[in-house]
Amino acid sequence: MKSHLIDLFKLKLMYDKDSKKDWLGGAVTAALGAGAVTSFAISRGQHPLLALGITAIAVTATLLIDHYLPKN
C-alpha cells in the first residue's frame, strides 16, 4: 500500500506541474525547436537574421500561448 501511494505521489509531481512558472523552460524548448527548423532554412540559403526573427516569433508565440491558455 505504501509503495502504491509513493508511486501515485510521483505521478502527481510529474504531471501536475504549473508550466506558467517555468517560462524559461518553455522559451528554451521553443527556441530549440524553431532553431532546428531555421538552421535547415539557413543551409538552404535563407538570411540568418530572418531565421533569428522567425525563432524569436516562435518563442514569443509559445510564451503567450502558454500564459493565456486556460489550465484544465
N, C-alpha and C. Protein backbone atom coordinates (compact mmCIF):
# COMPACT_ATOMS: atom_id res chain seq x y z
N MET A 1 0.82 -1.19 0.00
CA MET A 1 0.00 0.00 0.00
C MET A 1 0.88 1.26 0.00
N LYS A 2 1.94 1.23 0.79
CA LYS A 2 2.82 2.39 0.89
C LYS A 2 3.51 2.65 -0.45
N SER A 3 3.92 1.58 -1.13
CA SER A 3 4.57 1.73 -2.43
C SER A 3 3.61 2.35 -3.45
N HIS A 4 2.35 1.95 -3.38
CA HIS A 4 1.35 2.49 -4.30
C HIS A 4 1.16 3.99 -4.07
N LEU A 5 1.14 4.41 -2.82
CA LEU A 5 0.99 5.83 -2.51
C LEU A 5 2.20 6.63 -2.98
N ILE A 6 3.37 6.07 -2.84
CA ILE A 6 4.58 6.75 -3.29
C ILE A 6 4.55 6.91 -4.81
N ASP A 7 4.15 5.84 -5.52
CA ASP A 7 4.05 5.93 -6.98
C ASP A 7 3.01 6.96 -7.41
N LEU A 8 1.89 7.02 -6.72
CA LEU A 8 0.86 7.99 -7.03
C LEU A 8 1.37 9.41 -6.79
N PHE A 9 2.12 9.62 -5.72
CA PHE A 9 2.69 10.93 -5.43
C PHE A 9 3.70 11.34 -6.50
N LYS A 10 4.51 10.38 -6.95
CA LYS A 10 5.49 10.68 -8.01
C LYS A 10 4.79 11.07 -9.30
N LEU A 11 3.71 10.37 -9.65
CA LEU A 11 2.96 10.72 -10.85
C LEU A 11 2.35 12.11 -10.74
N LYS A 12 1.84 12.44 -9.57
CA LYS A 12 1.25 13.76 -9.37
C LYS A 12 2.32 14.84 -9.53
N LEU A 13 3.50 14.61 -9.01
CA LEU A 13 4.58 15.58 -9.15
C LEU A 13 5.01 15.72 -10.60
N MET A 14 5.01 14.61 -11.33
CA MET A 14 5.50 14.62 -12.71
C MET A 14 4.51 15.32 -13.65
N TYR A 15 3.21 15.07 -13.48
CA TYR A 15 2.23 15.55 -14.45
C TYR A 15 1.43 16.74 -13.98
N ASP A 16 1.53 17.13 -12.75
CA ASP A 16 0.72 18.22 -12.23
C ASP A 16 1.53 19.49 -12.04
N LYS A 17 2.49 19.71 -12.91
CA LYS A 17 3.33 20.90 -12.79
C LYS A 17 2.62 22.11 -13.39
N ASP A 18 2.87 23.27 -12.82
CA ASP A 18 2.33 24.51 -13.36
C ASP A 18 3.35 25.09 -14.32
N SER A 19 3.07 24.95 -15.61
CA SER A 19 4.04 25.39 -16.61
C SER A 19 4.16 26.91 -16.66
N LYS A 20 3.21 27.63 -16.11
CA LYS A 20 3.29 29.08 -16.12
C LYS A 20 4.45 29.59 -15.28
N LYS A 21 4.92 28.78 -14.35
CA LYS A 21 6.06 29.16 -13.53
C LYS A 21 7.37 28.86 -14.24
N ASP A 22 7.31 28.02 -15.25
CA ASP A 22 8.53 27.61 -15.93
C ASP A 22 8.61 28.23 -17.32
N TRP A 23 8.59 29.57 -17.38
CA TRP A 23 8.63 30.24 -18.67
C TRP A 23 9.98 30.10 -19.35
N LEU A 24 11.03 29.96 -18.56
CA LEU A 24 12.36 29.80 -19.15
C LEU A 24 12.46 28.46 -19.88
N GLY A 25 11.94 27.42 -19.28
CA GLY A 25 11.95 26.10 -19.93
C GLY A 25 11.14 26.11 -21.22
N GLY A 26 9.99 26.80 -21.21
CA GLY A 26 9.19 26.91 -22.42
C GLY A 26 9.90 27.69 -23.51
N ALA A 27 10.59 28.75 -23.12
CA ALA A 27 11.33 29.55 -24.10
C ALA A 27 12.48 28.76 -24.71
N VAL A 28 13.19 28.02 -23.88
CA VAL A 28 14.31 27.23 -24.39
C VAL A 28 13.81 26.13 -25.32
N THR A 29 12.72 25.48 -24.95
CA THR A 29 12.16 24.42 -25.80
C THR A 29 11.71 24.98 -27.14
N ALA A 30 11.03 26.12 -27.12
CA ALA A 30 10.58 26.74 -28.37
C ALA A 30 11.76 27.17 -29.22
N ALA A 31 12.78 27.73 -28.59
CA ALA A 31 13.95 28.19 -29.34
C ALA A 31 14.69 27.02 -29.97
N LEU A 32 14.78 25.91 -29.25
CA LEU A 32 15.46 24.74 -29.82
C LEU A 32 14.68 24.17 -31.00
N GLY A 33 13.36 24.10 -30.84
CA GLY A 33 12.54 23.58 -31.93
C GLY A 33 12.59 24.47 -33.16
N ALA A 34 12.39 25.76 -32.95
CA ALA A 34 12.43 26.69 -34.07
C ALA A 34 13.84 26.82 -34.63
N GLY A 35 14.83 26.73 -33.76
CA GLY A 35 16.22 26.83 -34.22
C GLY A 35 16.61 25.67 -35.12
N ALA A 36 16.07 24.48 -34.84
CA ALA A 36 16.37 23.33 -35.69
C ALA A 36 15.81 23.54 -37.09
N VAL A 37 14.58 24.06 -37.16
CA VAL A 37 13.96 24.30 -38.46
C VAL A 37 14.66 25.43 -39.20
N THR A 38 14.96 26.51 -38.49
CA THR A 38 15.59 27.65 -39.16
C THR A 38 17.04 27.36 -39.54
N SER A 39 17.72 26.48 -38.82
CA SER A 39 19.08 26.13 -39.25
C SER A 39 19.04 25.38 -40.58
N PHE A 40 18.01 24.58 -40.76
CA PHE A 40 17.84 23.92 -42.07
C PHE A 40 17.55 24.97 -43.15
N ALA A 41 16.73 25.96 -42.80
CA ALA A 41 16.41 27.00 -43.78
C ALA A 41 17.66 27.82 -44.13
N ILE A 42 18.51 28.07 -43.15
CA ILE A 42 19.77 28.80 -43.43
C ILE A 42 20.65 27.97 -44.36
N SER A 43 20.68 26.68 -44.14
CA SER A 43 21.50 25.83 -45.02
C SER A 43 20.97 25.83 -46.44
N ARG A 44 19.68 26.16 -46.62
CA ARG A 44 19.09 26.22 -47.95
C ARG A 44 19.14 27.63 -48.54
N GLY A 45 19.78 28.58 -47.82
CA GLY A 45 20.00 29.91 -48.38
C GLY A 45 19.22 31.05 -47.75
N GLN A 46 18.48 30.79 -46.70
CA GLN A 46 17.74 31.88 -46.04
C GLN A 46 18.71 32.78 -45.28
N HIS A 47 18.38 34.06 -45.20
CA HIS A 47 19.22 35.01 -44.49
C HIS A 47 19.18 34.71 -42.99
N PRO A 48 20.34 34.72 -42.32
CA PRO A 48 20.38 34.38 -40.89
C PRO A 48 19.54 35.30 -39.99
N LEU A 49 19.47 36.59 -40.31
CA LEU A 49 18.65 37.49 -39.49
C LEU A 49 17.16 37.15 -39.60
N LEU A 50 16.73 36.76 -40.77
CA LEU A 50 15.35 36.34 -40.94
C LEU A 50 15.08 35.07 -40.13
N ALA A 51 16.04 34.17 -40.12
CA ALA A 51 15.90 32.94 -39.34
C ALA A 51 15.83 33.25 -37.84
N LEU A 52 16.65 34.19 -37.37
CA LEU A 52 16.59 34.59 -35.96
C LEU A 52 15.26 35.25 -35.63
N GLY A 53 14.73 36.02 -36.58
CA GLY A 53 13.42 36.64 -36.39
C GLY A 53 12.32 35.60 -36.27
N ILE A 54 12.38 34.58 -37.10
CA ILE A 54 11.39 33.50 -37.03
C ILE A 54 11.49 32.78 -35.70
N THR A 55 12.70 32.54 -35.24
CA THR A 55 12.89 31.89 -33.94
C THR A 55 12.34 32.75 -32.82
N ALA A 56 12.58 34.06 -32.87
CA ALA A 56 12.07 34.97 -31.84
C ALA A 56 10.54 35.00 -31.85
N ILE A 57 9.94 34.99 -33.02
CA ILE A 57 8.48 34.98 -33.11
C ILE A 57 7.93 33.68 -32.53
N ALA A 58 8.58 32.56 -32.82
CA ALA A 58 8.13 31.27 -32.29
C ALA A 58 8.22 31.24 -30.76
N VAL A 59 9.29 31.78 -30.20
CA VAL A 59 9.43 31.83 -28.74
C VAL A 59 8.37 32.73 -28.13
N THR A 60 8.14 33.89 -28.73
CA THR A 60 7.13 34.81 -28.22
C THR A 60 5.74 34.19 -28.27
N ALA A 61 5.41 33.55 -29.40
CA ALA A 61 4.10 32.91 -29.52
C ALA A 61 3.94 31.79 -28.50
N THR A 62 4.99 31.02 -28.28
CA THR A 62 4.91 29.94 -27.30
C THR A 62 4.67 30.48 -25.90
N LEU A 63 5.37 31.51 -25.53
CA LEU A 63 5.20 32.09 -24.20
C LEU A 63 3.82 32.71 -24.03
N LEU A 64 3.31 33.38 -25.06
CA LEU A 64 1.98 33.97 -24.97
C LEU A 64 0.90 32.90 -24.88
N ILE A 65 1.01 31.87 -25.68
CA ILE A 65 0.03 30.78 -25.64
C ILE A 65 0.08 30.08 -24.29
N ASP A 66 1.27 29.83 -23.80
CA ASP A 66 1.41 29.17 -22.51
C ASP A 66 0.83 30.02 -21.38
N HIS A 67 0.97 31.33 -21.49
CA HIS A 67 0.49 32.22 -20.44
C HIS A 67 -1.03 32.37 -20.45
N TYR A 68 -1.61 32.51 -21.65
CA TYR A 68 -3.04 32.82 -21.74
C TYR A 68 -3.94 31.62 -21.96
N LEU A 69 -3.39 30.46 -22.27
CA LEU A 69 -4.20 29.27 -22.46
C LEU A 69 -4.74 28.83 -21.11
N PRO A 70 -6.06 28.62 -21.01
CA PRO A 70 -6.61 28.23 -19.69
C PRO A 70 -6.10 26.85 -19.26
N LYS A 71 -5.89 26.73 -17.98
CA LYS A 71 -5.42 25.46 -17.43
C LYS A 71 -6.63 24.54 -17.23
N ASN A 72 -6.42 23.25 -17.43
CA ASN A 72 -7.52 22.28 -17.31
C ASN A 72 -8.17 22.39 -16.00
